[in-house]
Protein backbone atom coordinates (compact mmCIF):
# COMPACT_ATOMS: atom_id res chain seq x y z
CA UNK A 1 0.00 0.00 0.00
CA UNK A 2 1.17 3.53 -0.68
CA UNK A 3 1.77 6.30 1.80
CA UNK A 4 2.17 9.94 0.79
CA UNK A 5 5.27 10.78 2.82
CA UNK A 6 6.31 14.38 3.48
CA UNK A 7 9.75 13.41 4.82
CA UNK A 8 12.86 14.97 3.36
CA UNK A 9 14.99 12.57 1.35
CA UNK A 10 18.06 11.18 3.13
CA UNK A 11 20.91 9.05 1.86
CA UNK A 12 20.06 5.39 1.32
CA UNK A 13 22.83 4.22 3.68
CA UNK A 14 21.11 6.02 6.58
CA UNK A 15 17.44 5.50 5.68
CA UNK A 16 15.44 3.51 8.23
CA UNK A 17 12.19 3.04 6.31
CA UNK A 18 11.51 1.92 2.76
CA UNK A 19 9.85 4.18 0.22
CA UNK A 20 6.17 4.85 1.01
CA UNK A 21 6.48 3.09 4.38
CA UNK A 22 5.17 4.80 7.53
CA UNK A 23 7.56 5.04 10.47
CA UNK A 24 5.77 4.30 13.75
CA UNK A 25 7.21 4.41 17.27
CA UNK A 26 5.52 2.39 20.01
CA UNK A 27 6.71 3.38 23.49
CA UNK A 28 5.98 1.12 26.46
CA UNK A 29 5.58 2.47 30.00
CA UNK A 30 8.22 2.00 32.69
CA UNK A 31 8.95 5.11 34.73
CA UNK A 32 12.66 5.82 35.16
CA UNK A 33 13.48 3.14 32.58
CA UNK A 34 12.09 5.47 29.91
CA UNK A 35 15.45 7.11 29.25
CA UNK A 36 16.19 3.98 27.19
CA UNK A 37 13.64 5.27 24.67
CA UNK A 38 15.47 8.60 24.57
CA UNK A 39 18.66 6.83 23.51
CA UNK A 40 16.79 4.88 20.84
CA UNK A 41 15.31 8.06 19.44
CA UNK A 42 18.67 9.84 19.43
CA UNK A 43 20.05 7.08 17.19
CA UNK A 44 17.00 7.31 14.94
CA UNK A 45 17.07 11.09 14.61
CA UNK A 46 20.77 10.88 13.83
CA UNK A 47 19.76 8.95 10.72
CA UNK A 48 17.20 11.53 9.68
CA UNK A 49 14.17 9.63 11.00
CA UNK A 50 10.95 11.64 11.25
CA UNK A 51 8.16 9.45 12.65
CA UNK A 52 4.70 9.56 11.14
CA UNK A 53 3.07 8.21 14.28
CA UNK A 54 4.10 7.90 17.92
CA UNK A 55 2.01 5.88 20.38
CA UNK A 56 2.85 5.71 24.06
CA UNK A 57 1.68 4.71 27.51
CA UNK A 58 2.82 6.16 30.86
CA UNK A 59 6.44 7.38 30.56
CA UNK A 60 6.15 6.37 26.91
CA UNK A 61 3.38 8.96 26.56
CA UNK A 62 5.70 11.64 27.95
CA UNK A 63 8.46 10.65 25.54
CA UNK A 64 5.94 10.58 22.69
CA UNK A 65 4.76 14.10 23.52
CA UNK A 66 8.36 15.35 23.67
CA UNK A 67 9.01 13.91 20.21
CA UNK A 68 5.84 15.11 18.50
CA UNK A 69 5.76 18.43 20.35
CA UNK A 70 9.12 19.61 19.04
CA UNK A 71 10.54 20.34 15.59
CA UNK A 72 12.69 17.78 13.78
CA UNK A 73 16.29 18.32 14.81
CA UNK A 74 15.22 19.57 18.25
CA UNK A 75 13.49 16.46 19.52
CA UNK A 76 16.49 14.65 20.99
CA UNK A 77 17.43 17.80 22.89
CA UNK A 78 13.92 18.07 24.33
CA UNK A 79 14.14 14.46 25.52
CA UNK A 80 17.61 15.07 26.96
CA UNK A 81 16.41 18.20 28.79
CA UNK A 82 13.56 16.26 30.40
CA UNK A 83 15.74 13.34 31.47
CA UNK A 84 18.48 15.61 32.80
CA UNK A 85 15.90 17.46 34.86
CA UNK A 86 14.29 14.40 36.42
CA UNK A 87 17.71 12.97 37.27
CA UNK A 88 19.11 16.19 38.76
CA UNK A 89 18.69 15.21 42.44
CA UNK A 90 21.49 12.65 42.36
CA UNK A 91 24.06 13.53 39.71
CA UNK A 92 26.92 11.57 41.27
CA UNK A 93 27.47 7.83 41.00
CA UNK A 94 28.52 5.06 43.41
CA UNK A 95 31.82 5.82 45.18
CA UNK A 96 33.57 2.65 43.98
CA UNK A 97 32.94 0.04 41.27
CA UNK A 98 31.43 -3.32 42.09
CA UNK A 99 28.04 -5.02 41.95
CA UNK A 100 27.30 -4.74 45.67
CA UNK A 101 28.00 -1.00 45.84
CA UNK A 102 26.08 -0.29 42.64
CA UNK A 103 23.07 -2.23 43.93
CA UNK A 104 23.19 -0.36 47.25
CA UNK A 105 23.54 2.95 45.40
CA UNK A 106 20.50 2.19 43.22
CA UNK A 107 18.41 1.25 46.23
CA UNK A 108 19.42 4.44 48.05
CA UNK A 109 18.53 6.48 44.97
CA UNK A 110 15.11 4.82 44.75
CA UNK A 111 14.54 5.48 48.46
CA UNK A 112 15.35 9.14 47.86
CA UNK A 113 12.74 9.25 45.09
CA UNK A 114 10.13 7.70 47.37
CA UNK A 115 10.89 10.21 50.10
CA UNK A 116 11.45 13.44 48.20
CA UNK A 117 9.96 12.94 44.73
CA UNK A 118 11.56 13.83 41.38
CA UNK A 119 12.38 17.36 40.11
CA UNK A 120 10.01 18.53 37.40
CA UNK A 121 7.86 15.42 37.85
CA UNK A 122 6.25 14.80 41.26
CA UNK A 123 6.54 15.70 44.95
CA UNK A 124 5.09 14.09 48.11
CA UNK A 125 1.68 15.33 49.24
CA UNK A 126 1.75 17.27 52.46
CA UNK A 127 -0.32 16.53 54.38
CA UNK A 128 -0.76 12.96 53.04
CA UNK A 129 -4.11 12.10 51.45
CA UNK A 130 -4.90 9.45 54.06
CA UNK A 131 -5.05 12.15 56.73
CA UNK A 132 -7.73 14.02 54.79
CA UNK A 133 -10.53 11.58 53.87
CA UNK A 134 -13.30 12.24 51.32
CA UNK A 135 -11.17 14.44 49.13
CA UNK A 136 -11.49 15.24 45.44
CA UNK A 137 -10.34 12.19 43.39
CA UNK A 138 -7.60 14.31 41.84
CA UNK A 139 -6.02 14.76 45.28
CA UNK A 140 -6.01 11.10 46.33
CA UNK A 141 -2.46 9.83 45.87
CA UNK A 142 0.89 9.72 47.62
CA UNK A 143 2.39 12.29 45.25
CA UNK A 144 1.36 15.52 43.55
CA UNK A 145 2.16 15.63 39.80
CA UNK A 146 1.63 19.38 39.37
CA UNK A 147 5.37 19.81 38.55
CA UNK A 148 4.93 17.49 35.56
CA UNK A 149 2.28 19.76 34.05
CA UNK A 150 4.66 22.72 34.28
CA UNK A 151 7.44 20.65 32.67
CA UNK A 152 5.21 19.55 29.81
CA UNK A 153 3.98 23.07 29.18
CA UNK A 154 7.60 24.24 29.00
CA UNK A 155 9.09 21.46 26.85
CA UNK A 156 6.17 20.50 24.58
CA UNK A 157 4.62 22.73 21.92
CA UNK A 158 1.07 21.38 22.00
CA UNK A 159 0.04 23.43 18.97
CA UNK A 160 2.79 21.70 16.99
CA UNK A 161 1.90 18.32 18.49
CA UNK A 162 -1.71 18.62 17.37
CA UNK A 163 -1.07 20.20 14.00
CA UNK A 164 2.29 18.75 13.02
CA UNK A 165 3.38 15.87 10.83
CA UNK A 166 3.38 13.24 13.61
CA UNK A 167 0.22 11.52 14.81
CA UNK A 168 0.09 10.92 18.58
CA UNK A 169 -1.88 8.24 20.47
CA UNK A 170 -1.77 7.96 24.27
CA UNK A 171 -3.40 5.14 26.27
CA UNK A 172 -5.23 5.56 29.59
CA UNK A 173 -7.87 3.73 31.67
CA UNK A 174 -11.23 5.12 32.75
CA UNK A 175 -11.28 4.72 36.55
CA UNK A 176 -15.06 4.38 36.80
CA UNK A 177 -15.63 1.93 33.93
CA UNK A 178 -12.29 0.17 33.70
CA UNK A 179 -12.37 0.71 29.93
CA UNK A 180 -9.18 1.37 28.03
CA UNK A 181 -9.13 4.55 25.96
CA UNK A 182 -6.69 6.11 23.54
CA UNK A 183 -6.44 9.85 23.14
CA UNK A 184 -5.54 10.26 19.48
CA UNK A 185 -4.49 13.55 17.91
CA UNK A 186 -6.51 12.55 14.83
CA UNK A 187 -9.65 12.72 16.95
CA UNK A 188 -8.87 14.77 20.08
CA UNK A 189 -6.78 17.83 20.79
CA UNK A 190 -4.01 16.51 23.03
CA UNK A 191 -3.04 18.63 26.05
CA UNK A 192 -0.88 18.16 29.14
CA UNK A 193 -3.79 16.47 30.91
CA UNK A 194 -3.90 13.63 28.35
CA UNK A 195 -0.19 12.94 28.77
CA UNK A 196 -0.53 13.02 32.55
CA UNK A 197 -3.57 10.73 32.48
CA UNK A 198 -1.63 8.10 30.56
CA UNK A 199 1.02 8.10 33.32
CA UNK A 200 -1.22 8.41 36.38
CA UNK A 201 -0.21 5.13 38.06
CA UNK A 202 -2.09 4.61 41.35
CA UNK A 203 -1.71 4.91 44.26
CA UNK A 204 1.41 6.97 43.68
CA UNK A 205 -0.13 9.40 41.20
CA UNK A 206 -3.66 10.82 41.20
CA UNK A 207 -6.20 10.22 38.43
CA UNK A 208 -6.60 13.01 35.89
CA UNK A 209 -9.99 14.44 34.97
CA UNK A 210 -10.78 14.78 31.27
CA UNK A 211 -14.24 15.80 30.06
CA UNK A 212 -15.79 14.87 33.40
CA UNK A 213 -14.18 11.41 33.55
CA UNK A 214 -11.22 10.30 35.66
CA UNK A 215 -8.30 8.39 34.12
CA UNK A 216 -5.40 6.30 35.39
CA UNK A 217 -2.25 4.92 33.79
CA UNK A 218 -2.91 2.84 30.66
CA UNK A 219 -0.41 0.25 31.88
CA UNK A 220 -3.07 -1.08 34.26
CA UNK A 221 -4.70 -2.75 31.23
CA UNK A 222 -1.90 -2.98 28.66
CA UNK A 223 1.55 -1.46 28.83
CA UNK A 224 2.19 -1.38 25.10
CA UNK A 225 0.17 0.39 22.36
CA UNK A 226 1.09 -2.03 19.55
CA UNK A 227 -2.38 -3.56 19.30
CA UNK A 228 -4.00 -0.14 18.97
CA UNK A 229 -1.69 0.84 16.12
CA UNK A 230 -2.29 -2.37 14.19
CA UNK A 231 -6.05 -2.25 14.71
CA UNK A 232 -6.44 1.40 13.73
CA UNK A 233 -4.46 1.38 10.49
CA UNK A 234 -5.39 -1.14 7.82
CA UNK A 235 -4.10 0.63 4.75
CA UNK A 236 -0.49 1.79 5.15
CA UNK A 237 2.70 -0.20 4.97
CA UNK A 238 4.48 0.40 8.28
CA UNK A 239 7.81 -0.07 9.97
CA UNK A 240 7.02 -0.13 13.70
CA UNK A 241 9.73 0.25 16.32
CA UNK A 242 8.37 -1.30 19.48
CA UNK A 243 10.57 0.09 22.27
CA UNK A 244 9.89 -1.85 25.47
CA UNK A 245 11.17 -1.06 28.96
CA UNK A 246 10.43 -4.37 30.68
CA UNK A 247 11.70 -7.67 29.33
CA UNK A 248 9.31 -10.61 29.36
CA UNK A 249 12.30 -12.95 29.47
CA UNK A 250 14.42 -13.20 32.59
CA UNK A 251 16.08 -15.52 35.09
CA UNK A 252 14.15 -17.62 37.58
CA UNK A 253 14.33 -15.81 40.96
CA UNK A 254 16.68 -17.22 43.57
CA UNK A 255 16.08 -14.60 46.31
CA UNK A 256 13.07 -12.74 47.68
CA UNK A 257 14.44 -9.53 46.14
CA UNK A 258 14.52 -11.18 42.72
CA UNK A 259 10.87 -12.27 42.98
CA UNK A 260 9.50 -8.74 43.18
CA UNK A 261 11.52 -7.59 40.18
CA UNK A 262 10.66 -10.62 38.07
CA UNK A 263 6.96 -10.24 38.89
CA UNK A 264 7.05 -6.60 37.79
CA UNK A 265 8.87 -7.48 34.56
CA UNK A 266 6.27 -10.10 33.67
CA UNK A 267 3.33 -7.88 34.58
CA UNK A 268 4.43 -4.77 32.70
CA UNK A 269 6.08 -6.42 29.70
CA UNK A 270 2.50 -7.06 28.53
CA UNK A 271 3.61 -10.38 27.03
CA UNK A 272 5.38 -8.52 24.25
CA UNK A 273 6.34 -11.45 22.07
CA UNK A 274 3.08 -13.36 22.62
CA UNK A 275 1.00 -10.36 21.61
CA UNK A 276 3.23 -9.69 18.64
CA UNK A 277 2.84 -13.29 17.46
CA UNK A 278 -0.95 -13.01 17.84
CA UNK A 279 -0.98 -9.76 15.88
CA UNK A 280 1.16 -11.40 13.19
CA UNK A 281 -1.31 -14.28 12.83
CA UNK A 282 -4.29 -11.92 12.67
CA UNK A 283 -2.67 -9.74 10.00
CA UNK A 284 -1.87 -12.82 7.92
CA UNK A 285 -5.52 -13.85 8.06
CA UNK A 286 -6.66 -10.36 7.13
CA UNK A 287 -4.33 -10.31 4.15
CA UNK A 288 -5.51 -13.75 3.01
CA UNK A 289 -9.08 -12.47 3.29
CA UNK A 290 -8.15 -9.44 1.18
CA UNK A 291 -6.76 -11.69 -1.58
CA UNK A 292 -9.72 -14.07 -1.44
CA UNK A 293 -12.31 -11.30 -1.72
CA UNK A 294 -10.70 -10.09 -4.94
CA UNK A 295 -11.25 -13.49 -6.49
CA UNK A 296 -15.02 -13.36 -6.01
CA UNK A 297 -17.29 -12.95 -9.04
CA UNK A 298 -19.00 -9.58 -9.35
CA UNK A 299 -22.37 -10.82 -8.08
CA UNK A 300 -20.83 -12.07 -4.82
CA UNK A 301 -18.49 -9.10 -4.43
CA UNK A 302 -21.52 -6.84 -4.06
CA UNK A 303 -23.00 -8.98 -1.28
CA UNK A 304 -23.36 -7.13 2.07
CA UNK A 305 -21.42 -9.89 3.84
CA UNK A 306 -18.56 -9.46 1.38
CA UNK A 307 -18.60 -5.72 1.99
CA UNK A 308 -18.40 -6.32 5.77
CA UNK A 309 -15.49 -8.72 5.35
CA UNK A 310 -13.76 -6.31 2.98
CA UNK A 311 -13.76 -3.62 5.67
CA UNK A 312 -11.96 -6.05 7.99
CA UNK A 313 -9.42 -7.19 5.40
CA UNK A 314 -5.92 -5.78 5.09
CA UNK A 315 -3.29 -5.80 2.39
CA UNK A 316 -0.67 -3.66 4.15
CA UNK A 317 2.78 -4.95 5.08
CA UNK A 318 4.21 -4.40 8.57
CA UNK A 319 7.72 -4.81 9.90
CA UNK A 320 7.93 -4.80 13.72
CA UNK A 321 11.37 -4.07 15.12
CA UNK A 322 11.78 -4.97 18.80
CA UNK A 323 14.10 -2.96 21.00
CA UNK A 324 13.93 -4.07 24.63
CA UNK A 325 15.61 -2.64 27.71
CA UNK A 326 17.42 -5.55 29.35
CA UNK A 327 17.66 -6.27 33.07
CA UNK A 328 20.84 -5.16 34.84
CA UNK A 329 22.56 -7.30 37.45
CA UNK A 330 22.42 -4.41 39.96
CA UNK A 331 18.71 -3.70 39.45
CA UNK A 332 15.86 -4.50 41.82
CA UNK A 333 12.10 -4.04 41.63
CA UNK A 334 12.64 -0.34 42.41
CA UNK A 335 14.33 0.22 39.04
CA UNK A 336 11.32 2.01 37.55
CA UNK A 337 11.52 4.75 40.18
CA UNK A 338 15.32 4.94 40.44
CA UNK A 339 16.13 8.30 38.83
CA UNK A 340 19.86 8.80 39.53
CA UNK A 341 21.81 10.45 36.71
CA UNK A 342 24.11 7.42 36.54
CA UNK A 343 21.20 5.05 35.85
CA UNK A 344 19.37 7.43 33.49
CA UNK A 345 22.52 7.93 31.40
CA UNK A 346 23.26 4.20 31.40
CA UNK A 347 19.81 3.36 30.08
CA UNK A 348 20.03 6.13 27.47
CA UNK A 349 23.37 4.73 26.27
CA UNK A 350 21.90 1.21 26.14
CA UNK A 351 19.00 2.41 23.98
CA UNK A 352 21.35 4.23 21.64
CA UNK A 353 23.66 1.21 21.33
CA UNK A 354 20.79 -1.26 20.75
CA UNK A 355 19.29 0.96 18.04
CA UNK A 356 22.65 1.40 16.31
CA UNK A 357 23.27 -2.35 16.46
CA UNK A 358 19.90 -2.94 14.82
CA UNK A 359 20.44 -0.35 12.08
CA UNK A 360 23.85 -1.79 11.24
CA UNK A 361 22.66 -5.40 11.17
CA UNK A 362 22.60 -6.79 7.64
CA UNK A 363 19.21 -8.40 8.32
CA UNK A 364 17.76 -4.92 8.89
CA UNK A 365 19.70 -3.19 6.14
CA UNK A 366 18.71 -5.82 3.57
CA UNK A 367 15.14 -6.37 4.71
CA UNK A 368 12.32 -6.49 2.18
CA UNK A 369 8.67 -5.64 2.52
CA UNK A 370 7.09 -8.68 4.25
CA UNK A 371 5.37 -10.92 1.69
CA UNK A 372 3.05 -12.38 4.34
CA UNK A 373 1.82 -9.22 6.07
CA UNK A 374 4.08 -9.08 9.17
CA UNK A 375 7.77 -9.63 9.84
CA UNK A 376 9.27 -9.36 13.33
CA UNK A 377 12.91 -8.41 13.87
CA UNK A 378 14.56 -8.70 17.29
CA UNK A 379 18.16 -8.02 16.35
CA UNK A 380 19.56 -6.69 19.63
CA UNK A 381 18.41 -9.77 21.62
CA UNK A 382 21.25 -10.92 23.83
């Protein structure tokens, strides 16, 4: 299928997408782990990449807004400014090398976050909500996210985000109904409140009110927006970079500390590979249906049932490129709220390196449009 791209031409040795192929970024949630996505995007922008669509949940929604709400060439700097700000409380690293000291340092950093909050992101509520019962739902949480609104208003041009070249989709959950909802710039004007709603993970963060309804973090239902992207676009060839912050694969726990981290990885990875395999099978069936319908004689092609099936068919090709933040030996279950500069920079560097490794892999450089609807590449898997 064809896509009318407005991107500037770049040299073929740097190009990430094929001609007429949409570039889509899918950002998973994961708190402090989100700097990994910043590193991935830096590598992409260095190759001239200008995404057509960015979908995100939780911290992925913040990163998505920073990308779409800034001009090409300025997006990496906006991401870097945000991540430098939220990691500004602890800019030093562990005093000496070694796994034990790094683990202790990370745990102390996470404890500092829990006690004092994160600059430009959230602060503890004083007095705590539990001392003031029957409050407004927007005040019921351990932390106040008012600083995040100010940060978003400073670093994101929401006029550009809503009227620019990049489509934005952010996932959240309706607190009252439990229904998942995406705020899509094709249908809704995105503001700071939509970004904050996508990342309002209870009980730490309060729900966000939008049009009289209260919303929590989309990761409560699904922590990756891949399914939404594939279900909402049936017509364009796409190259989707699925940038995940929790790895579904990991070692069997041998200590009580390991159990909590492994449980969180499994819960928030949203069964990345399983869901991708299911999406691949569904797209193959949709493409087969598309081919079959075109073989029908004219009298059957006009049948209402054929018209209904035609709307559900799909002839577009999709390449899904997995980039997954891997577990560190010094990490614990607190890793998603451990905002030290050392850890933020390490994750950023990992994202950059994984993206560069993927771009330089011959299997990516020599890829072809998938003949059977969907191809999955996981080239940085270690």
